[in-house]
N, C-alpha and C. Protein backbone atom coordinates (compact mmCIF):
# COMPACT_ATOMS: atom_id res chain seq x y z
N MET A 1 -4.71 -21.16 53.28
CA MET A 1 -5.32 -21.27 51.62
C MET A 1 -6.70 -20.87 51.86
N GLU A 2 -7.62 -22.03 52.65
CA GLU A 2 -9.03 -21.53 52.36
C GLU A 2 -8.90 -19.83 52.56
N LYS A 3 -8.72 -19.41 53.73
CA LYS A 3 -9.09 -18.62 54.33
C LYS A 3 -8.36 -16.90 52.78
N ALA A 4 -7.38 -17.20 52.08
CA ALA A 4 -7.07 -16.39 51.25
C ALA A 4 -7.64 -16.34 49.91
N LEU A 5 -8.63 -17.91 49.54
CA LEU A 5 -9.25 -17.83 48.86
C LEU A 5 -10.66 -16.95 49.48
N MET A 6 -11.34 -17.40 50.34
CA MET A 6 -12.42 -16.10 51.12
C MET A 6 -12.54 -14.84 51.12
N ASP A 7 -11.08 -14.56 50.98
CA ASP A 7 -10.73 -13.23 51.46
C ASP A 7 -11.01 -12.35 49.40
N VAL A 8 -10.04 -13.81 48.55
CA VAL A 8 -10.33 -12.56 47.47
C VAL A 8 -12.04 -12.87 47.03
N LEU A 9 -12.59 -13.95 47.37
CA LEU A 9 -14.05 -13.90 47.01
C LEU A 9 -14.84 -12.99 47.65
N ASN A 10 -14.43 -12.99 48.55
CA ASN A 10 -15.21 -11.41 49.13
C ASN A 10 -15.02 -9.78 48.62
N ALA A 11 -13.95 -9.93 48.47
CA ALA A 11 -13.41 -8.86 47.50
C ALA A 11 -13.80 -9.05 46.13
N GLY A 12 -14.22 -9.68 45.64
CA GLY A 12 -14.62 -9.81 44.27
C GLY A 12 -16.10 -9.41 44.39
N ILE A 13 -16.79 -9.71 45.73
CA ILE A 13 -18.55 -9.51 45.63
C ILE A 13 -18.24 -7.99 46.03
N ALA A 14 -17.30 -7.26 46.89
CA ALA A 14 -17.61 -6.04 47.33
C ALA A 14 -17.63 -5.38 46.13
N LEU A 15 -16.56 -5.93 45.27
CA LEU A 15 -16.12 -5.08 44.04
C LEU A 15 -17.69 -4.86 43.32
N PHE A 16 -17.68 -5.99 42.85
CA PHE A 16 -18.88 -6.20 41.73
C PHE A 16 -20.59 -5.30 42.14
N GLN A 17 -20.83 -5.62 43.93
CA GLN A 17 -21.55 -4.61 44.33
C GLN A 17 -21.38 -3.15 44.24
N SER A 18 -20.08 -2.83 44.65
CA SER A 18 -19.80 -1.08 44.02
C SER A 18 -20.00 -0.86 42.47
N GLY A 19 -19.44 -1.83 42.08
CA GLY A 19 -19.78 -1.28 40.77
C GLY A 19 -21.46 -1.01 40.24
N GLU A 20 -22.00 -2.23 40.42
CA GLU A 20 -23.69 -2.52 40.24
C GLU A 20 -23.74 -0.73 40.99
N ASP A 21 -23.83 -0.53 42.19
CA ASP A 21 -24.46 0.68 42.79
C ASP A 21 -23.72 1.96 42.11
N LYS A 22 -22.44 1.90 41.56
CA LYS A 22 -22.01 3.32 40.63
C LYS A 22 -22.75 2.99 39.26
N LEU A 23 -23.06 1.92 38.47
CA LEU A 23 -23.77 1.74 37.26
C LEU A 23 -25.00 2.38 37.83
N LYS A 24 -26.25 1.77 38.49
CA LYS A 24 -27.35 2.29 39.02
C LYS A 24 -27.48 3.84 38.93
N GLN A 25 -26.56 4.31 40.01
CA GLN A 25 -26.72 5.81 39.99
C GLN A 25 -25.89 6.85 38.70
N SER A 26 -25.35 6.23 38.00
CA SER A 26 -24.73 6.52 36.84
C SER A 26 -26.30 6.51 35.89
N LEU A 27 -26.98 5.35 36.11
CA LEU A 27 -27.78 5.50 34.96
C LEU A 27 -29.68 6.02 35.50
N SER A 28 -29.50 6.67 36.87
CA SER A 28 -30.15 7.70 37.47
C SER A 28 -30.13 9.04 37.32
N ASP A 29 -28.71 8.79 37.22
CA ASP A 29 -28.02 10.65 36.79
C ASP A 29 -28.68 10.78 35.21
N LEU A 30 -28.33 9.56 35.15
CA LEU A 30 -28.56 10.38 33.68
C LEU A 30 -29.99 10.55 32.78
N ASP A 31 -30.93 9.85 33.41
CA ASP A 31 -32.54 9.75 33.19
C ASP A 31 -32.69 10.88 34.08
N LYS A 32 -32.10 11.76 34.91
CA LYS A 32 -32.54 12.79 35.56
C LYS A 32 -32.26 14.04 34.46
N VAL A 33 -30.98 14.09 33.56
CA VAL A 33 -30.35 15.07 33.20
C VAL A 33 -31.44 14.79 31.56
N TYR A 34 -31.80 13.39 31.09
CA TYR A 34 -32.33 13.60 30.27
C TYR A 34 -33.95 14.22 30.16
N GLN A 35 -34.81 14.05 31.45
CA GLN A 35 -36.12 14.53 31.94
C GLN A 35 -35.74 16.13 32.36
N GLU A 36 -34.48 16.57 32.39
CA GLU A 36 -34.04 17.82 32.42
C GLU A 36 -34.17 18.26 30.61
N LEU A 37 -33.03 18.32 29.93
CA LEU A 37 -33.26 18.39 28.44
C LEU A 37 -34.58 18.33 28.04
N LYS A 38 -35.74 17.20 28.28
CA LYS A 38 -36.79 16.98 27.78
C LYS A 38 -37.65 18.16 27.69
N ILE A 39 -37.85 18.78 29.25
CA ILE A 39 -39.10 19.70 29.77
C ILE A 39 -38.07 21.08 29.13
N LYS A 40 -37.28 21.40 28.89
CA LYS A 40 -36.66 22.20 28.52
C LYS A 40 -36.33 22.60 26.95
N GLY A 41 -36.57 21.30 26.06
CA GLY A 41 -36.92 21.50 25.40
C GLY A 41 -38.28 21.31 24.74
N ALA A 42 -39.07 21.11 25.09
CA ALA A 42 -40.73 21.26 25.41
C ALA A 42 -40.99 23.05 25.30
N GLN A 43 -40.10 23.41 26.52
CA GLN A 43 -40.73 25.05 26.47
C GLN A 43 -40.17 25.55 25.56
N ASP A 44 -39.30 25.56 24.18
CA ASP A 44 -38.52 26.35 23.82
C ASP A 44 -39.59 26.11 22.35
N GLN A 45 -40.50 27.59 22.11
CA GLN A 45 -41.44 27.31 21.52
C GLN A 45 -41.06 28.60 20.12
N SER A 46 -39.89 28.36 19.81
CA SER A 46 -39.01 29.25 19.26
C SER A 46 -39.70 28.72 17.28
N GLU A 47 -39.36 29.91 16.99
CA GLU A 47 -40.06 29.47 15.58
C GLU A 47 -38.96 28.28 14.92
N GLN A 48 -37.68 28.52 15.34
CA GLN A 48 -36.75 27.54 14.46
C GLN A 48 -37.14 26.09 15.12
N ALA A 49 -37.75 26.40 16.34
CA ALA A 49 -38.00 24.72 17.49
C ALA A 49 -39.05 24.04 17.02
N ASN A 50 -40.16 24.81 16.10
CA ASN A 50 -40.91 24.94 15.86
C ASN A 50 -41.03 24.06 14.30
N ARG A 51 -40.06 24.69 13.62
CA ARG A 51 -39.89 24.06 12.25
C ARG A 51 -39.09 22.91 12.69
N LEU A 52 -37.95 22.95 13.42
CA LEU A 52 -37.75 21.48 13.59
C LEU A 52 -38.60 20.47 13.91
N ARG A 53 -39.75 20.57 14.71
CA ARG A 53 -40.40 19.54 15.16
C ARG A 53 -41.10 19.33 14.05
N ASP A 54 -41.82 20.08 13.48
CA ASP A 54 -42.53 19.96 11.84
C ASP A 54 -41.78 18.71 11.26
N LEU A 55 -40.40 19.61 11.11
CA LEU A 55 -39.82 18.39 9.91
C LEU A 55 -39.81 16.96 10.28
N VAL A 56 -39.64 17.03 11.93
CA VAL A 56 -38.91 15.49 11.81
C VAL A 56 -40.57 14.85 11.77
N GLN A 57 -41.79 15.47 12.47
CA GLN A 57 -42.91 14.61 12.31
C GLN A 57 -43.23 13.85 10.72
N LYS A 58 -42.82 15.76 9.78
CA LYS A 58 -43.22 14.90 8.56
C LYS A 58 -42.25 13.88 8.18
N THR A 59 -41.26 14.06 8.16
CA THR A 59 -40.12 12.87 7.74
C THR A 59 -40.70 11.50 8.07
N VAL A 60 -41.15 11.74 9.70
CA VAL A 60 -41.66 10.05 9.98
C VAL A 60 -43.11 9.98 9.50
N TRP A 61 -43.71 10.41 9.04
CA TRP A 61 -45.02 10.37 8.46
C TRP A 61 -44.94 9.91 7.23
N ASP A 62 -44.13 10.64 6.36
CA ASP A 62 -43.31 10.35 4.97
C ASP A 62 -42.93 8.75 5.07
N ALA A 63 -41.95 8.45 5.89
CA ALA A 63 -41.62 7.00 5.78
C ALA A 63 -42.31 6.37 6.62
N GLN A 64 -43.49 6.53 7.40
CA GLN A 64 -44.40 5.23 7.44
C GLN A 64 -45.34 5.01 6.33
N GLU A 65 -45.51 5.85 5.94
CA GLU A 65 -46.01 6.30 4.32
C GLU A 65 -45.59 5.16 3.28
N LYS A 66 -44.34 5.39 3.36
CA LYS A 66 -43.59 4.92 1.98
C LYS A 66 -43.21 3.42 2.51
N LEU A 67 -43.08 2.76 3.52
CA LEU A 67 -43.47 1.43 4.23
C LEU A 67 -44.31 0.82 3.80
N LYS A 68 -45.55 1.91 4.29
CA LYS A 68 -47.09 1.21 3.69
C LYS A 68 -47.01 0.69 2.32
N SER A 69 -46.55 1.87 1.61
CA SER A 69 -46.68 1.92 -0.07
C SER A 69 -46.38 0.95 -0.38
N ALA A 70 -44.92 0.41 0.42
CA ALA A 70 -43.62 -0.89 -0.38
C ALA A 70 -44.23 -2.32 0.37
N ASN A 71 -45.30 -2.12 1.43
CA ASN A 71 -45.67 -3.10 1.83
C ASN A 71 -47.06 -3.96 0.81
N ASP A 72 -47.80 -2.79 0.32
CA ASP A 72 -49.00 -2.82 -0.40
C ASP A 72 -48.82 -3.05 -1.62
N SER A 73 -47.07 -2.58 -2.45
CA SER A 73 -46.86 -2.77 -3.46
C SER A 73 -46.44 -4.17 -3.19
N SER A 74 -45.75 -5.01 -2.34
CA SER A 74 -44.83 -5.96 -2.67
C SER A 74 -45.84 -6.85 -2.87
N VAL A 75 -47.34 -6.92 -1.84
CA VAL A 75 -48.44 -7.84 -1.87
C VAL A 75 -48.87 -8.01 -2.67
N ALA A 76 -49.13 -6.89 -3.71
CA ALA A 76 -49.41 -7.06 -5.12
C ALA A 76 -48.83 -7.74 -5.99
N VAL A 77 -47.25 -7.75 -5.78
CA VAL A 77 -46.49 -8.19 -6.86
C VAL A 77 -46.52 -9.30 -6.38
N VAL A 78 -46.36 -10.11 -5.36
CA VAL A 78 -46.81 -11.47 -4.84
C VAL A 78 -48.37 -11.96 -5.29
N ASN A 79 -49.04 -11.43 -5.29
CA ASN A 79 -50.39 -11.96 -5.84
C ASN A 79 -50.19 -12.19 -7.57
N GLN A 80 -49.68 -11.15 -7.98
CA GLN A 80 -49.45 -11.21 -9.44
C GLN A 80 -48.74 -11.84 -9.77
N LEU A 81 -47.76 -12.64 -9.44
CA LEU A 81 -46.87 -13.38 -9.57
C LEU A 81 -47.50 -15.05 -9.63
N LYS A 82 -48.58 -14.75 -8.41
CA LYS A 82 -49.45 -16.89 -8.14
C LYS A 82 -49.88 -16.40 -9.23
N GLU A 83 -50.36 -15.74 -9.82
CA GLU A 83 -51.71 -15.45 -10.76
C GLU A 83 -51.06 -15.93 -12.23
N ASN A 84 -49.93 -15.30 -12.19
CA ASN A 84 -49.19 -15.55 -14.15
C ASN A 84 -48.70 -17.50 -13.84
N PHE A 85 -48.28 -17.59 -12.61
CA PHE A 85 -47.66 -18.97 -12.41
C PHE A 85 -48.82 -19.48 -12.51
N ALA A 86 -49.85 -19.48 -11.98
CA ALA A 86 -51.43 -20.22 -12.39
C ALA A 86 -51.56 -20.58 -13.90
N LYS A 87 -51.81 -19.17 -14.44
CA LYS A 87 -51.95 -19.11 -15.59
C LYS A 87 -51.06 -19.94 -16.73
N ILE A 88 -49.92 -19.81 -16.11
CA ILE A 88 -48.70 -20.82 -17.27
C ILE A 88 -48.57 -21.86 -16.85
N SER A 89 -49.33 -22.69 -15.22
CA SER A 89 -49.07 -23.82 -15.14
C SER A 89 -50.22 -24.44 -16.19
N SER A 90 -51.18 -23.98 -15.86
CA SER A 90 -52.40 -23.88 -16.65
C SER A 90 -52.61 -24.64 -18.42
N GLN A 91 -51.68 -23.15 -19.06
CA GLN A 91 -51.24 -23.43 -20.23
C GLN A 91 -50.23 -24.72 -20.67
N ILE A 92 -49.54 -24.57 -19.76
CA ILE A 92 -48.19 -26.34 -20.31
C ILE A 92 -49.19 -27.14 -19.67
N ASP A 93 -50.21 -27.43 -18.98
CA ASP A 93 -50.97 -28.46 -18.55
C ASP A 93 -52.12 -28.80 -19.52
N GLU A 94 -52.35 -27.96 -20.20
CA GLU A 94 -52.90 -28.33 -21.77
C GLU A 94 -52.26 -28.52 -22.50
N MET A 95 -51.32 -27.54 -22.92
CA MET A 95 -50.24 -27.74 -24.19
C MET A 95 -49.49 -29.10 -24.02
N LEU A 96 -49.17 -29.73 -22.84
CA LEU A 96 -48.58 -31.32 -22.88
C LEU A 96 -49.80 -32.63 -23.21
N PRO A 97 -49.47 -33.29 -24.35
CA PRO A 97 -49.84 -34.77 -24.64
C PRO A 97 -50.13 -35.12 -23.25
N GLU A 98 -51.34 -36.10 -22.98
CA GLU A 98 -51.55 -36.72 -22.15
C GLU A 98 -50.28 -37.91 -21.54
N ASP A 99 -50.00 -38.44 -22.28
CA ASP A 99 -48.61 -39.87 -22.36
C ASP A 99 -47.29 -38.93 -21.58
N VAL A 100 -47.11 -38.06 -22.22
CA VAL A 100 -45.59 -37.04 -21.58
C VAL A 100 -46.02 -36.81 -19.87
N LYS A 101 -47.21 -36.11 -19.69
CA LYS A 101 -48.27 -35.58 -18.50
C LYS A 101 -47.70 -37.04 -17.69
N THR A 102 -48.70 -38.19 -18.44
CA THR A 102 -48.06 -39.47 -16.72
C THR A 102 -46.41 -39.95 -17.28
N LYS A 103 -45.87 -39.85 -17.68
CA LYS A 103 -44.61 -40.18 -17.79
C LYS A 103 -43.79 -39.36 -16.54
N ALA A 104 -44.02 -37.49 -16.78
CA ALA A 104 -43.71 -36.54 -15.72
C ALA A 104 -44.09 -36.89 -14.35
N LYS A 105 -45.51 -37.10 -14.10
CA LYS A 105 -46.10 -37.80 -13.15
C LYS A 105 -45.41 -38.79 -12.29
N ALA A 106 -44.98 -39.95 -13.48
CA ALA A 106 -44.26 -41.19 -12.48
C ALA A 106 -43.06 -40.62 -12.03
N ALA A 107 -42.03 -39.97 -12.51
CA ALA A 107 -41.14 -39.42 -12.09
C ALA A 107 -41.11 -38.65 -11.08
N ILE A 108 -41.91 -37.87 -11.20
CA ILE A 108 -42.19 -37.20 -9.73
C ILE A 108 -42.11 -37.90 -8.74
N GLU A 109 -43.33 -38.90 -8.85
CA GLU A 109 -43.77 -40.19 -8.13
C GLU A 109 -41.71 -41.22 -7.74
N GLU A 110 -41.45 -41.19 -8.92
CA GLU A 110 -40.21 -42.10 -8.22
C GLU A 110 -39.05 -41.23 -7.32
N LEU A 111 -39.05 -39.62 -7.75
CA LEU A 111 -38.04 -39.29 -7.10
C LEU A 111 -38.46 -38.92 -5.64
N LYS A 112 -40.19 -38.98 -5.53
CA LYS A 112 -40.26 -38.74 -3.68
C LYS A 112 -40.04 -39.79 -3.27
N LYS A 113 -39.82 -41.18 -3.60
CA LYS A 113 -39.75 -42.52 -3.19
C LYS A 113 -38.05 -42.25 -2.88
N LEU A 114 -37.96 -41.84 -3.71
CA LEU A 114 -36.38 -41.90 -3.51
C LEU A 114 -36.12 -40.94 -1.98
N THR A 115 -36.54 -39.78 -2.12
CA THR A 115 -36.26 -38.69 -1.07
C THR A 115 -36.05 -39.41 -0.21
N LYS A 116 -37.66 -40.02 -0.10
CA LYS A 116 -37.87 -40.32 1.64
C LYS A 116 -36.60 -41.70 2.26
N LYS A 117 -36.21 -42.17 1.37
CA LYS A 117 -35.68 -43.20 2.07
C LYS A 117 -34.41 -42.78 2.79
């Protein structure tokens, strides 16, 4: 029984190593083909190939600009919201009678105590 188990284990190890070697060889072959295609593509200076390169570069540049613009816009929106919230909070604070503010603060403190328990 022990010998049969060891034979199965050894066969599994060999199978794993064989598969690993084949995978490494396949990756190496794929990289080689990719490098060859990359070189051939770089050598193609036809008008169509150059237009395609220009189009891809423009598309990437446009996408980067749109992302930057969107990020700048979102920062501006967040800042504007913060500013508006501060103004509203200030106006509400000025409008509320002092006794209402005191009661609200007491209620908030009570809620804090209850949630900490």
